[in-house]
Every structure is written in structure tokens, then in C-alpha cells.
Amino acid sequence: MKTGLYAGIIAIWATTAFAHSPLDATIPTNEAILSELPAEVLMDFKGDIRLTRVTLSHDGSRAINLDLAGQKTFTKEFALPMEDMGPGTYVVEWRGLGADGHALNGKFSFTVKQ
């Protein structure tokens, strides 16, 4: 009886976990080392999401908000213009709302060496 109950709980948890729209890939990739700053950051999600906030920080500096003016719909792919802050480590932190209503967030980083 306990085994069946545990299996049911795990199945419900797994179904809920996969219903969200996690970040699938980024360009540049997480922890990439680049020779120059890309003109934009590409974010690809497993499901539809509406980004509500994306910030960019550079070598621990104060984070700035990236422009989301053109990002008003639910979609899987986003291209956001970059701010050139020179060589160093960039951290992109994002927040969004999945099409299933769940709040999502995450971050990735890359380094520009010149």
C-alpha cells in the first residue's frame, strides 16, 4: 500500500515538474568564454513563456534592466539586445510567467575576454 502511495506522489510531482517551461538553451551558452560581446542574447525555452524581467550585470556591478518592450506575448524564443560593458563576466537573470501560470526564473553567465 505504501509503495503505491509513494508511486502516486512521485507521478504527480513529476507531471507537475514537467508542466513548466524551463530554459532549454542560450546563446551564448552558460559559462561560455567569448572573444567579443554578442549583439544580442538568445534564450530558448521548452514551452511558451512571457518574460517579465531580465537584468544584466557585469563583474558584480549594479544590474541593469534589458529592454522587454517588444516582448509582450507568450513564446519559446527571445532575442534581447546587449549592453556593452567591456570585457569581463556578464550575468543574465530572468523572470517570467509560463503559459501554465507558473512563475519561473533563472540565470546564466558568460565571459568576454579581449
PDB file of N, CA and C in Angstrom:
ATOM      1  N   MET A   1       0.825  -1.199   0.000  1.00  0.00           N
ATOM      2  CA  MET A   1       0.000   0.000   0.000  1.00  0.00           C
ATOM      3  C   MET A   1       0.865   1.257   0.000  1.00  0.00           C
ATOM      4  N   LYS A   2       1.911   1.266   0.867  1.00  0.00           N
ATOM      5  CA  LYS A   2       2.801   2.426   0.912  1.00  0.00           C
ATOM      6  C   LYS A   2       3.500   2.627  -0.427  1.00  0.00           C
ATOM      7  N   THR A   3       3.905   1.553  -1.049  1.00  0.00           N
ATOM      8  CA  THR A   3       4.601   1.650  -2.327  1.00  0.00           C
ATOM      9  C   THR A   3       3.712   2.306  -3.377  1.00  0.00           C
ATOM     10  N   GLY A   4       2.463   1.929  -3.425  1.00  0.00           N
ATOM     11  CA  GLY A   4       1.524   2.527  -4.376  1.00  0.00           C
ATOM     12  C   GLY A   4       1.297   4.005  -4.095  1.00  0.00           C
ATOM     13  N   LEU A   5       1.222   4.368  -2.813  1.00  0.00           N
ATOM     14  CA  LEU A   5       1.039   5.766  -2.436  1.00  0.00           C
ATOM     15  C   LEU A   5       2.248   6.591  -2.835  1.00  0.00           C
ATOM     16  N   TYR A   6       3.445   6.085  -2.546  1.00  0.00           N
ATOM     17  CA  TYR A   6       4.674   6.791  -2.923  1.00  0.00           C
ATOM     18  C   TYR A   6       4.787   6.936  -4.443  1.00  0.00           C
ATOM     19  N   ALA A   7       4.433   5.889  -5.170  1.00  0.00           N
ATOM     20  CA  ALA A   7       4.493   5.943  -6.632  1.00  0.00           C
ATOM     21  C   ALA A   7       3.532   7.000  -7.169  1.00  0.00           C
ATOM     22  N   GLY A   8       2.348   7.093  -6.571  1.00  0.00           N
ATOM     23  CA  GLY A   8       1.383   8.095  -6.993  1.00  0.00           C
ATOM     24  C   GLY A   8       1.867   9.508  -6.719  1.00  0.00           C
ATOM     25  N   ILE A   9       2.473   9.718  -5.557  1.00  0.00           N
ATOM     26  CA  ILE A   9       3.007  11.042  -5.211  1.00  0.00           C
ATOM     27  C   ILE A   9       4.120  11.430  -6.173  1.00  0.00           C
ATOM     28  N   ILE A  10       5.006  10.504  -6.460  1.00  0.00           N
ATOM     29  CA  ILE A  10       6.110  10.779  -7.383  1.00  0.00           C
ATOM     30  C   ILE A  10       5.576  11.071  -8.789  1.00  0.00           C
ATOM     31  N   ALA A  11       4.570  10.355  -9.221  1.00  0.00           N
ATOM     32  CA  ALA A  11       3.995  10.589 -10.551  1.00  0.00           C
ATOM     33  C   ALA A  11       3.366  11.977 -10.639  1.00  0.00           C
ATOM     34  N   ILE A  12       2.650  12.388  -9.594  1.00  0.00           N
ATOM     35  CA  ILE A  12       2.044  13.724  -9.586  1.00  0.00           C
ATOM     36  C   ILE A  12       3.127  14.784  -9.590  1.00  0.00           C
ATOM     37  N   TRP A  13       4.157  14.597  -8.764  1.00  0.00           N
ATOM     38  CA  TRP A  13       5.262  15.563  -8.700  1.00  0.00           C
ATOM     39  C   TRP A  13       5.956  15.664 -10.054  1.00  0.00           C
ATOM     40  N   ALA A  14       6.228  14.548 -10.691  1.00  0.00           N
ATOM     41  CA  ALA A  14       6.924  14.551 -11.984  1.00  0.00           C
ATOM     42  C   ALA A  14       6.080  15.237 -13.057  1.00  0.00           C
ATOM     43  N   THR A  15       4.778  14.984 -13.077  1.00  0.00           N
ATOM     44  CA  THR A  15       3.900  15.621 -14.052  1.00  0.00           C
ATOM     45  C   THR A  15       3.889  17.122 -13.863  1.00  0.00           C
ATOM     46  N   THR A  16       3.813  17.568 -12.610  1.00  0.00           N
ATOM     47  CA  THR A  16       3.829  18.998 -12.316  1.00  0.00           C
ATOM     48  C   THR A  16       5.155  19.612 -12.707  1.00  0.00           C
ATOM     49  N   ALA A  17       6.250  18.950 -12.412  1.00  0.00           N
ATOM     50  CA  ALA A  17       7.579  19.485 -12.721  1.00  0.00           C
ATOM     51  C   ALA A  17       7.767  19.661 -14.220  1.00  0.00           C
ATOM     52  N   PHE A  18       7.261  18.747 -15.028  1.00  0.00           N
ATOM     53  CA  PHE A  18       7.453  18.839 -16.466  1.00  0.00           C
ATOM     54  C   PHE A  18       6.432  19.746 -17.143  1.00  0.00           C
ATOM     55  N   ALA A  19       5.433  20.229 -16.404  1.00  0.00           N
ATOM     56  CA  ALA A  19       4.432  21.112 -16.988  1.00  0.00           C
ATOM     57  C   ALA A  19       4.965  22.523 -17.175  1.00  0.00           C
ATOM     58  N   HIS A  20       6.050  22.867 -16.486  1.00  0.00           N
ATOM     59  CA  HIS A  20       6.614  24.205 -16.577  1.00  0.00           C
ATOM     60  C   HIS A  20       7.405  24.369 -17.875  1.00  0.00           C
ATOM     61  N   SER A  21       7.930  25.570 -18.095  1.00  0.00           N
ATOM     62  CA  SER A  21       8.654  25.883 -19.322  1.00  0.00           C
ATOM     63  C   SER A  21      10.082  26.310 -18.999  1.00  0.00           C
ATOM     64  N   PRO A  22      10.942  25.387 -18.590  1.00  0.00           N
ATOM     65  CA  PRO A  22      12.294  25.789 -18.201  1.00  0.00           C
ATOM     66  C   PRO A  22      13.126  26.261 -19.391  1.00  0.00           C
ATOM     67  N   LEU A  23      14.173  26.998 -19.070  1.00  0.00           N
ATOM     68  CA  LEU A  23      15.104  27.456 -20.085  1.00  0.00           C
ATOM     69  C   LEU A  23      15.818  26.248 -20.674  1.00  0.00           C
ATOM     70  N   ASP A  24      15.753  26.108 -21.982  1.00  0.00           N
ATOM     71  CA  ASP A  24      16.324  24.952 -22.667  1.00  0.00           C
ATOM     72  C   ASP A  24      17.742  25.232 -23.159  1.00  0.00           C
ATOM     73  N   ALA A  25      17.962  26.436 -23.722  1.00  0.00           N
ATOM     74  CA  ALA A  25      19.280  26.762 -24.273  1.00  0.00           C
ATOM     75  C   ALA A  25      19.449  28.273 -24.349  1.00  0.00           C
ATOM     76  N   THR A  26      20.694  28.703 -24.357  1.00  0.00           N
ATOM     77  CA  THR A  26      21.013  30.120 -24.525  1.00  0.00           C
ATOM     78  C   THR A  26      22.170  30.267 -25.503  1.00  0.00           C
ATOM     79  N   ILE A  27      22.212  31.406 -26.155  1.00  0.00           N
ATOM     80  CA  ILE A  27      23.364  31.789 -26.968  1.00  0.00           C
ATOM     81  C   ILE A  27      23.727  33.193 -26.537  1.00  0.00           C
ATOM     82  N   PRO A  28      24.882  33.378 -25.935  1.00  0.00           N
ATOM     83  CA  PRO A  28      25.926  32.394 -25.673  1.00  0.00           C
ATOM     84  C   PRO A  28      25.493  31.384 -24.603  1.00  0.00           C
ATOM     85  N   THR A  29      26.132  30.237 -24.621  1.00  0.00           N
ATOM     86  CA  THR A  29      25.809  29.194 -23.664  1.00  0.00           C
ATOM     87  C   THR A  29      26.293  29.590 -22.273  1.00  0.00           C
ATOM     88  N   ASN A  30      25.714  28.963 -21.260  1.00  0.00           N
ATOM     89  CA  ASN A  30      26.104  29.235 -19.883  1.00  0.00           C
ATOM     90  C   ASN A  30      27.602  28.961 -19.699  1.00  0.00           C
ATOM     91  N   GLU A  31      28.286  29.923 -19.094  1.00  0.00           N
ATOM     92  CA  GLU A  31      29.722  29.864 -18.778  1.00  0.00           C
ATOM     93  C   GLU A  31      30.627  29.862 -20.007  1.00  0.00           C
ATOM     94  N   ALA A  32      30.098  30.311 -21.151  1.00  0.00           N
ATOM     95  CA  ALA A  32      30.919  30.402 -22.367  1.00  0.00           C
ATOM     96  C   ALA A  32      31.989  31.480 -22.192  1.00  0.00           C
ATOM     97  N   ILE A  33      33.097  31.303 -22.896  1.00  0.00           N
ATOM     98  CA  ILE A  33      34.160  32.308 -22.946  1.00  0.00           C
ATOM     99  C   ILE A  33      34.223  32.795 -24.388  1.00  0.00           C
ATOM    100  N   LEU A  34      34.004  34.107 -24.571  1.00  0.00           N
ATOM    101  CA  LEU A  34      33.899  34.701 -25.900  1.00  0.00           C
ATOM    102  C   LEU A  34      35.014  35.707 -26.134  1.00  0.00           C
ATOM    103  N   SER A  35      35.365  35.921 -27.388  1.00  0.00           N
ATOM    104  CA  SER A  35      36.377  36.920 -27.726  1.00  0.00           C
ATOM    105  C   SER A  35      35.759  38.305 -27.928  1.00  0.00           C
ATOM    106  N   GLU A  36      34.439  38.357 -28.156  1.00  0.00           N
ATOM    107  CA  GLU A  36      33.759  39.641 -28.281  1.00  0.00           C
ATOM    108  C   GLU A  36      32.318  39.498 -27.805  1.00  0.00           C
ATOM    109  N   LEU A  37      31.744  40.613 -27.406  1.00  0.00           N
ATOM    110  CA  LEU A  37      30.368  40.625 -26.910  1.00  0.00           C
ATOM    111  C   LEU A  37      29.390  40.433 -28.064  1.00  0.00           C
ATOM    112  N   PRO A  38      28.425  39.522 -27.913  1.00  0.00           N
ATOM    113  CA  PRO A  38      27.417  39.372 -28.966  1.00  0.00           C
ATOM    114  C   PRO A  38      26.476  40.583 -28.976  1.00  0.00           C
ATOM    115  N   ALA A  39      25.864  40.842 -30.096  1.00  0.00           N
ATOM    116  CA  ALA A  39      24.922  41.959 -30.219  1.00  0.00           C
ATOM    117  C   ALA A  39      23.643  41.691 -29.440  1.00  0.00           C
ATOM    118  N   GLU A  40      23.305  40.409 -29.270  1.00  0.00           N
ATOM    119  CA  GLU A  40      22.099  40.043 -28.537  1.00  0.00           C
ATOM    120  C   GLU A  40      22.281  38.710 -27.828  1.00  0.00           C
ATOM    121  N   VAL A  41      21.434  38.477 -26.857  1.00  0.00           N
ATOM    122  CA  VAL A  41      21.371  37.212 -26.130  1.00  0.00           C
ATOM    123  C   VAL A  41      20.134  36.485 -26.617  1.00  0.00           C
ATOM    124  N   LEU A  42      20.279  35.210 -26.939  1.00  0.00           N
ATOM    125  CA  LEU A  42      19.146  34.390 -27.366  1.00  0.00           C
ATOM    126  C   LEU A  42      18.788  33.425 -26.242  1.00  0.00           C
ATOM    127  N   MET A  43      17.501  33.342 -25.932  1.00  0.00           N
ATOM    128  CA  MET A  43      17.009  32.439 -24.896  1.00  0.00           C
ATOM    129  C   MET A  43      15.922  31.564 -25.508  1.00  0.00           C
ATOM    130  N   ASP A  44      16.057  30.251 -25.344  1.00  0.00           N
ATOM    131  CA  ASP A  44      15.114  29.294 -25.905  1.00  0.00           C
ATOM    132  C   ASP A  44      14.537  28.460 -24.764  1.00  0.00           C
ATOM    133  N   PHE A  45      13.224  28.498 -24.602  1.00  0.00           N
ATOM    134  CA  PHE A  45      12.545  27.774 -23.530  1.00  0.00           C
ATOM    135  C   PHE A  45      11.873  26.525 -24.077  1.00  0.00           C
ATOM    136  N   LYS A  46      11.612  25.549 -23.197  1.00  0.00           N
ATOM    137  CA  LYS A  46      10.971  24.309 -23.622  1.00  0.00           C
ATOM    138  C   LYS A  46       9.490  24.499 -23.926  1.00  0.00           C
ATOM    139  N   GLY A  47       8.886  25.518 -23.352  1.00  0.00           N
ATOM    140  CA  GLY A  47       7.478  25.820 -23.580  1.00  0.00           C
ATOM    141  C   GLY A  47       7.288  27.324 -23.645  1.00  0.00           C
ATOM    142  N   ASP A  48       6.073  27.749 -23.914  1.00  0.00           N
ATOM    143  CA  ASP A  48       5.794  29.180 -24.021  1.00  0.00           C
ATOM    144  C   ASP A  48       5.928  29.878 -22.678  1.00  0.00           C
ATOM    145  N   ILE A  49       6.497  31.061 -22.706  1.00  0.00           N
ATOM    146  CA  ILE A  49       6.720  31.871 -21.519  1.00  0.00           C
ATOM    147  C   ILE A  49       6.609  33.342 -21.919  1.00  0.00           C
ATOM    148  N   ARG A  50       6.229  34.180 -20.969  1.00  0.00           N
ATOM    149  CA  ARG A  50       6.258  35.631 -21.180  1.00  0.00           C
ATOM    150  C   ARG A  50       7.271  36.178 -20.194  1.00  0.00           C
ATOM    151  N   LEU A  51       8.351  36.735 -20.689  1.00  0.00           N
ATOM    152  CA  LEU A  51       9.366  37.315 -19.819  1.00  0.00           C
ATOM    153  C   LEU A  51       8.814  38.576 -19.167  1.00  0.00           C
ATOM    154  N   THR A  52       9.034  38.715 -17.864  1.00  0.00           N
ATOM    155  CA  THR A  52       8.574  39.892 -17.143  1.00  0.00           C
ATOM    156  C   THR A  52       9.730  40.779 -16.698  1.00  0.00           C
ATOM    157  N   ARG A  53      10.928  40.204 -16.596  1.00  0.00           N
ATOM    158  CA  ARG A  53      12.101  40.995 -16.214  1.00  0.00           C
ATOM    159  C   ARG A  53      13.367  40.228 -16.601  1.00  0.00           C
ATOM    160  N   VAL A  54      14.296  40.941 -17.202  1.00  0.00           N
ATOM    161  CA  VAL A  54      15.620  40.389 -17.496  1.00  0.00           C
ATOM    162  C   VAL A  54      16.629  41.466 -17.119  1.00  0.00           C
ATOM    163  N   THR A  55      17.586  41.088 -16.269  1.00  0.00           N
ATOM    164  CA  THR A  55      18.617  42.038 -15.865  1.00  0.00           C
ATOM    165  C   THR A  55      19.982  41.536 -16.309  1.00  0.00           C
ATOM    166  N   LEU A  56      20.885  42.483 -16.465  1.00  0.00           N
ATOM    167  CA  LEU A  56      22.255  42.187 -16.887  1.00  0.00           C
ATOM    168  C   LEU A  56      23.205  42.865 -15.910  1.00  0.00           C
ATOM    169  N   SER A  57      24.121  42.091 -15.362  1.00  0.00           N
ATOM    170  CA  SER A  57      25.160  42.690 -14.520  1.00  0.00           C
ATOM    171  C   SER A  57      26.518  42.282 -15.077  1.00  0.00           C
ATOM    172  N   HIS A  58      27.513  43.085 -14.776  1.00  0.00           N
ATOM    173  CA  HIS A  58      28.852  42.901 -15.320  1.00  0.00           C
ATOM    174  C   HIS A  58      29.860  42.982 -14.184  1.00  0.00           C
ATOM    175  N   ASP A  59      30.589  41.886 -13.953  1.00  0.00           N
ATOM    176  CA  ASP A  59      31.621  41.821 -12.908  1.00  0.00           C
ATOM    177  C   ASP A  59      31.140  42.376 -11.574  1.00  0.00           C
ATOM    178  N   GLY A  60      29.935  42.000 -11.183  1.00  0.00           N
ATOM    179  CA  GLY A  60      29.408  42.386  -9.883  1.00  0.00           C
ATOM    180  C   GLY A  60      28.841  43.786  -9.811  1.00  0.00           C
ATOM    181  N   SER A  61      28.794  44.500 -10.929  1.00  0.00           N
ATOM    182  CA  SER A  61      28.233  45.857 -10.931  1.00  0.00           C
ATOM    183  C   SER A  61      26.717  45.797 -10.722  1.00  0.00           C
ATOM    184  N   ARG A  62      26.135  46.938 -10.493  1.00  0.00           N
ATOM    185  CA  ARG A  62      24.688  47.035 -10.340  1.00  0.00           C
ATOM    186  C   ARG A  62      24.007  46.520 -11.607  1.00  0.00           C
ATOM    187  N   ALA A  63      22.964  45.739 -11.453  1.00  0.00           N
ATOM    188  CA  ALA A  63      22.249  45.167 -12.592  1.00  0.00           C
ATOM    189  C   ALA A  63      21.415  46.236 -13.297  1.00  0.00           C
ATOM    190  N   ILE A  64      21.368  46.118 -14.625  1.00  0.00           N
ATOM    191  CA  ILE A  64      20.506  46.989 -15.421  1.00  0.00           C
ATOM    192  C   ILE A  64      19.413  46.132 -16.051  1.00  0.00           C
ATOM    193  N   ASN A  65      18.266  46.741 -16.291  1.00  0.00           N
ATOM    194  CA  ASN A  65      17.154  46.034 -16.931  1.00  0.00           C
ATOM    195  C   ASN A  65      17.336  46.049 -18.443  1.00  0.00           C
ATOM    196  N   LEU A  66      17.188  44.878 -19.066  1.00  0.00           N
ATOM    197  CA  LEU A  66      17.208  44.810 -20.523  1.00  0.00           C
ATOM    198  C   LEU A  66      15.824  45.174 -21.048  1.00  0.00           C
ATOM    199  N   ASP A  67      15.789  45.710 -22.242  1.00  0.00           N
ATOM    200  CA  ASP A  67      14.554  46.198 -22.856  1.00  0.00           C
ATOM    201  C   ASP A  67      13.648  45.036 -23.255  1.00  0.00           C
ATOM    202  N   LEU A  68      12.476  44.973 -22.639  1.00  0.00           N
ATOM    203  CA  LEU A  68      11.484  43.944 -22.967  1.00  0.00           C
ATOM    204  C   LEU A  68      10.273  44.540 -23.691  1.00  0.00           C
ATOM    205  N   ALA A  69      10.414  45.750 -24.203  1.00  0.00           N
ATOM    206  CA  ALA A  69       9.283  46.445 -24.830  1.00  0.00           C
ATOM    207  C   ALA A  69       8.639  45.628 -25.949  1.00  0.00           C
ATOM    208  N   GLY A  70       9.421  44.909 -26.712  1.00  0.00           N
ATOM    209  CA  GLY A  70       8.878  44.120 -27.825  1.00  0.00           C
ATOM    210  C   GLY A  70       8.517  42.700 -27.431  1.00  0.00           C
ATOM    211  N   GLN A  71       8.540  42.375 -26.147  1.00  0.00           N
ATOM    212  CA  GLN A  71       8.330  41.004 -25.674  1.00  0.00           C
ATOM    213  C   GLN A  71       7.039  40.915 -24.859  1.00  0.00           C
ATOM    214  N   LYS A  72       5.905  41.085 -25.482  1.00  0.00           N
ATOM    215  CA  LYS A  72       4.628  41.120 -24.755  1.00  0.00           C
ATOM    216  C   LYS A  72       3.803  39.842 -24.860  1.00  0.00           C
ATOM    217  N   THR A  73       4.231  38.875 -25.664  1.00  0.00           N
ATOM    218  CA  THR A  73       3.426  37.677 -25.872  1.00  0.00           C
ATOM    219  C   THR A  73       4.135  36.448 -25.304  1.00  0.00           C
ATOM    220  N   PHE A  74       3.385  35.367 -25.194  1.00  0.00           N
ATOM    221  CA  PHE A  74       3.955  34.087 -24.785  1.00  0.00           C
ATOM    222  C   PHE A  74       4.628  33.461 -26.003  1.00  0.00           C
ATOM    223  N   THR A  75       5.881  33.057 -25.843  1.00  0.00           N
ATOM    224  CA  THR A  75       6.623  32.421 -26.924  1.00  0.00           C
ATOM    225  C   THR A  75       7.745  31.576 -26.324  1.00  0.00           C
ATOM    226  N   LYS A  76       8.434  30.828 -27.144  1.00  0.00           N
ATOM    227  CA  LYS A  76       9.525  29.973 -26.685  1.00  0.00           C
ATOM    228  C   LYS A  76      10.894  30.597 -26.902  1.00  0.00           C
ATOM    229  N   GLU A  77      11.001  31.555 -27.811  1.00  0.00           N
ATOM    230  CA  GLU A  77      12.304  32.114 -28.173  1.00  0.00           C
ATOM    231  C   GLU A  77      12.333  33.623 -27.993  1.00  0.00           C
ATOM    232  N   PHE A  78      13.435  34.107 -27.435  1.00  0.00           N
ATOM    233  CA  PHE A  78      13.617  35.539 -27.209  1.00  0.00           C
ATOM    234  C   PHE A  78      15.005  35.955 -27.689  1.00  0.00           C
ATOM    235  N   ALA A  79      15.090  37.135 -28.279  1.00  0.00           N
ATOM    236  CA  ALA A  79      16.358  37.745 -28.668  1.00  0.00           C
ATOM    237  C   ALA A  79      16.381  39.130 -28.026  1.00  0.00           C
ATOM    238  N   LEU A  80      17.326  39.336 -27.110  1.00  0.00           N
ATOM    239  CA  LEU A  80      17.400  40.595 -26.371  1.00  0.00           C
ATOM    240  C   LEU A  80      18.706  41.310 -26.674  1.00  0.00           C
ATOM    241  N   PRO A  81      18.639  42.599 -27.008  1.00  0.00           N
ATOM    242  CA  PRO A  81      19.866  43.348 -27.312  1.00  0.00           C
ATOM    243  C   PRO A  81      20.748  43.476 -26.074  1.00  0.00           C
ATOM    244  N   MET A  82      22.056  43.443 -26.296  1.00  0.00           N
ATOM    245  CA  MET A  82      23.031  43.515 -25.204  1.00  0.00           C
ATOM    246  C   MET A  82      23.537  44.929 -25.000  1.00  0.00           C
ATOM    247  N   GLU A  83      23.958  45.212 -23.784  1.00  0.00           N
ATOM    248  CA  GLU A  83      24.635  46.457 -23.430  1.00  0.00           C
ATOM    249  C   GLU A  83      26.123  46.146 -23.314  1.00  0.00           C
ATOM    250  N   ASP A  84      26.966  46.852 -24.034  1.00  0.00           N
ATOM    251  CA  ASP A  84      28.411  46.611 -23.980  1.00  0.00           C
ATOM    252  C   ASP A  84      29.004  47.292 -22.754  1.00  0.00           C
ATOM    253  N   MET A  85      29.509  46.475 -21.836  1.00  0.00           N
ATOM    254  CA  MET A  85      30.134  46.983 -20.625  1.00  0.00           C
ATOM    255  C   MET A  85      31.614  46.614 -20.569  1.00  0.00           C
ATOM    256  N   GLY A  86      32.138  46.182 -21.714  1.00  0.00           N
ATOM    257  CA  GLY A  86      33.548  45.837 -21.783  1.00  0.00           C
ATOM    258  C   GLY A  86      33.814  44.378 -21.440  1.00  0.00           C
ATOM    259  N   PRO A  87      35.107  44.018 -21.421  1.00  0.00           N
ATOM    260  CA  PRO A  87      35.473  42.641 -21.093  1.00  0.00           C
ATOM    261  C   PRO A  87      35.098  42.304 -19.649  1.00  0.00           C
ATOM    262  N   GLY A  88      34.880  41.035 -19.395  1.00  0.00           N
ATOM    263  CA  GLY A  88      34.556  40.570 -18.048  1.00  0.00           C
ATOM    264  C   GLY A  88      33.402  39.587 -18.077  1.00  0.00           C
ATOM    265  N   THR A  89      32.892  39.276 -16.897  1.00  0.00           N
ATOM    266  CA  THR A  89      31.815  38.303 -16.763  1.00  0.00           C
ATOM    267  C   THR A  89      30.468  39.002 -16.722  1.00  0.00           C
ATOM    268  N   TYR A  90      29.563  38.539 -17.555  1.00  0.00           N
ATOM    269  CA  TYR A  90      28.196  39.043 -17.635  1.00  0.00           C
ATOM    270  C   TYR A  90      27.258  38.000 -17.026  1.00  0.00           C
ATOM    271  N   VAL A  91      26.308  38.455 -16.228  1.00  0.00           N
ATOM    272  CA  VAL A  91      25.298  37.567 -15.650  1.00  0.00           C
ATOM    273  C   VAL A  91      23.922  38.055 -16.101  1.00  0.00           C
ATOM    274  N   VAL A  92      23.160  37.161 -16.708  1.00  0.00           N
ATOM    275  CA  VAL A  92      21.807  37.457 -17.165  1.00  0.00           C
ATOM    276  C   VAL A  92      20.848  36.729 -16.225  1.00  0.00           C
ATOM    277  N   GLU A  93      20.006  37.493 -15.529  1.00  0.00           N
ATOM    278  CA  GLU A  93      18.986  36.916 -14.657  1.00  0.00           C
ATOM    279  C   GLU A  93      17.624  37.223 -15.260  1.00  0.00           C
ATOM    280  N   TRP A  94      16.744  36.231 -15.262  1.00  0.00           N
ATOM    281  CA  TRP A  94      15.440  36.399 -15.899  1.00  0.00           C
ATOM    282  C   TRP A  94      14.308  35.917 -14.997  1.00  0.00           C
ATOM    283  N   ARG A  95      13.152  36.516 -15.221  1.00  0.00           N
ATOM    284  CA  ARG A  95      11.904  36.109 -14.573  1.00  0.00           C
ATOM    285  C   ARG A  95      10.831  36.081 -15.643  1.00  0.00           C
ATOM    286  N   GLY A  96       9.890  35.172 -15.475  1.00  0.00           N
ATOM    287  CA  GLY A  96       8.819  35.094 -16.444  1.00  0.00           C
ATOM    288  C   GLY A  96       7.627  34.337 -15.911  1.00  0.00           C
ATOM    289  N   LEU A  97       6.618  34.278 -16.724  1.00  0.00           N
ATOM    290  CA  LEU A  97       5.392  33.570 -16.398  1.00  0.00           C
ATOM    291  C   LEU A  97       5.160  32.534 -17.482  1.00  0.00           C
ATOM    292  N   GLY A  98       5.106  31.272 -17.074  1.00  0.00           N
ATOM    293  CA  GLY A  98       4.851  30.202 -18.024  1.00  0.00           C
ATOM    294  C   GLY A  98       3.409  30.233 -18.493  1.00  0.00           C
ATOM    295  N   ALA A  99       3.142  29.674 -19.660  1.00  0.00           N
ATOM    296  CA  ALA A  99       1.782  29.635 -20.202  1.00  0.00           C
ATOM    297  C   ALA A  99       0.849  28.863 -19.273  1.00  0.00           C
ATOM    298  N   ASP A 100       1.419  28.001 -18.424  1.00  0.00           N
ATOM    299  CA  ASP A 100       0.606  27.245 -17.467  1.00  0.00           C
ATOM    300  C   ASP A 100       0.336  28.036 -16.183  1.00  0.00           C
ATOM    301  N   GLY A 101       0.811  29.298 -16.124  1.00  0.00           N
ATOM    302  CA  GLY A 101       0.539  30.156 -14.975  1.00  0.00           C
ATOM    303  C   GLY A 101       1.601  30.149 -13.894  1.00  0.00           C
ATOM    304  N   HIS A 102       2.623  29.328 -14.040  1.00  0.00           N
ATOM    305  CA  HIS A 102       3.667  29.254 -13.024  1.00  0.00           C
ATOM    306  C   HIS A 102       4.753  30.310 -13.245  1.00  0.00           C
ATOM    307  N   ALA A 103       5.194  30.909 -12.139  1.00  0.00           N
ATOM    308  CA  ALA A 103       6.309  31.853 -12.187  1.00  0.00           C
ATOM    309  C   ALA A 103       7.611  31.073 -12.349  1.00  0.00           C
ATOM    310  N   LEU A 104       8.489  31.586 -13.189  1.00  0.00           N
ATOM    311  CA  LEU A 104       9.765  30.934 -13.461  1.00  0.00           C
ATOM    312  C   LEU A 104      10.884  31.962 -13.343  1.00  0.00           C
ATOM    313  N   ASN A 105      12.078  31.505 -13.022  1.00  0.00           N
ATOM    314  CA  ASN A 105      13.232  32.395 -13.001  1.00  0.00           C
ATOM    315  C   ASN A 105      14.502  31.584 -13.135  1.00  0.00           C
ATOM    316  N   GLY A 106      15.577  32.260 -13.445  1.00  0.00           N
ATOM    317  CA  GLY A 106      16.864  31.592 -13.580  1.00  0.00           C
ATOM    318  C   GLY A 106      17.931  32.590 -13.972  1.00  0.00           C
ATOM    319  N   LYS A 107      19.121  32.075 -14.185  1.00  0.00           N
ATOM    320  CA  LYS A 107      20.216  32.936 -14.620  1.00  0.00           C
ATOM    321  C   LYS A 107      21.262  32.117 -15.351  1.00  0.00           C
ATOM    322  N   PHE A 108      22.066  32.794 -16.133  1.00  0.00           N
ATOM    323  CA  PHE A 108      23.210  32.189 -16.799  1.00  0.00           C
ATOM    324  C   PHE A 108      24.265  33.270 -16.951  1.00  0.00           C
ATOM    325  N   SER A 109      25.481  32.847 -17.221  1.00  0.00           N
ATOM    326  CA  SER A 109      26.585  33.820 -17.336  1.00  0.00           C
ATOM    327  C   SER A 109      27.510  33.445 -18.480  1.00  0.00           C
ATOM    328  N   PHE A 110      28.298  34.416 -18.900  1.00  0.00           N
ATOM    329  CA  PHE A 110      29.334  34.188 -19.893  1.00  0.00           C
ATOM    330  C   PHE A 110      30.409  35.239 -19.683  1.00  0.00           C
ATOM    331  N   THR A 111      31.595  34.972 -20.210  1.00  0.00           N
ATOM    332  CA  THR A 111      32.728  35.880 -20.021  1.00  0.00           C
ATOM    333  C   THR A 111      33.240  36.335 -21.376  1.00  0.00           C
ATOM    334  N   VAL A 112      33.538  37.640 -21.474  1.00  0.00           N
ATOM    335  CA  VAL A 112      34.132  38.227 -22.663  1.00  0.00           C
ATOM    336  C   VAL A 112      35.579  38.547 -22.361  1.00  0.00           C
ATOM    337  N   LYS A 113      36.494  37.931 -23.101  1.00  0.00           N
ATOM    338  CA  LYS A 113      37.932  38.172 -22.928  1.00  0.00           C
ATOM    339  C   LYS A 113      38.449  38.846 -24.180  1.00  0.00           C
ATOM    340  N   GLN A 114      39.153  39.987 -23.996  1.00  0.00           N
ATOM    341  CA  GLN A 114      39.700  40.686 -25.158  1.00  0.00           C
ATOM    342  C   GLN A 114      41.168  40.895 -24.990  1.00  0.00           C
TER     343      GLN A 114
END
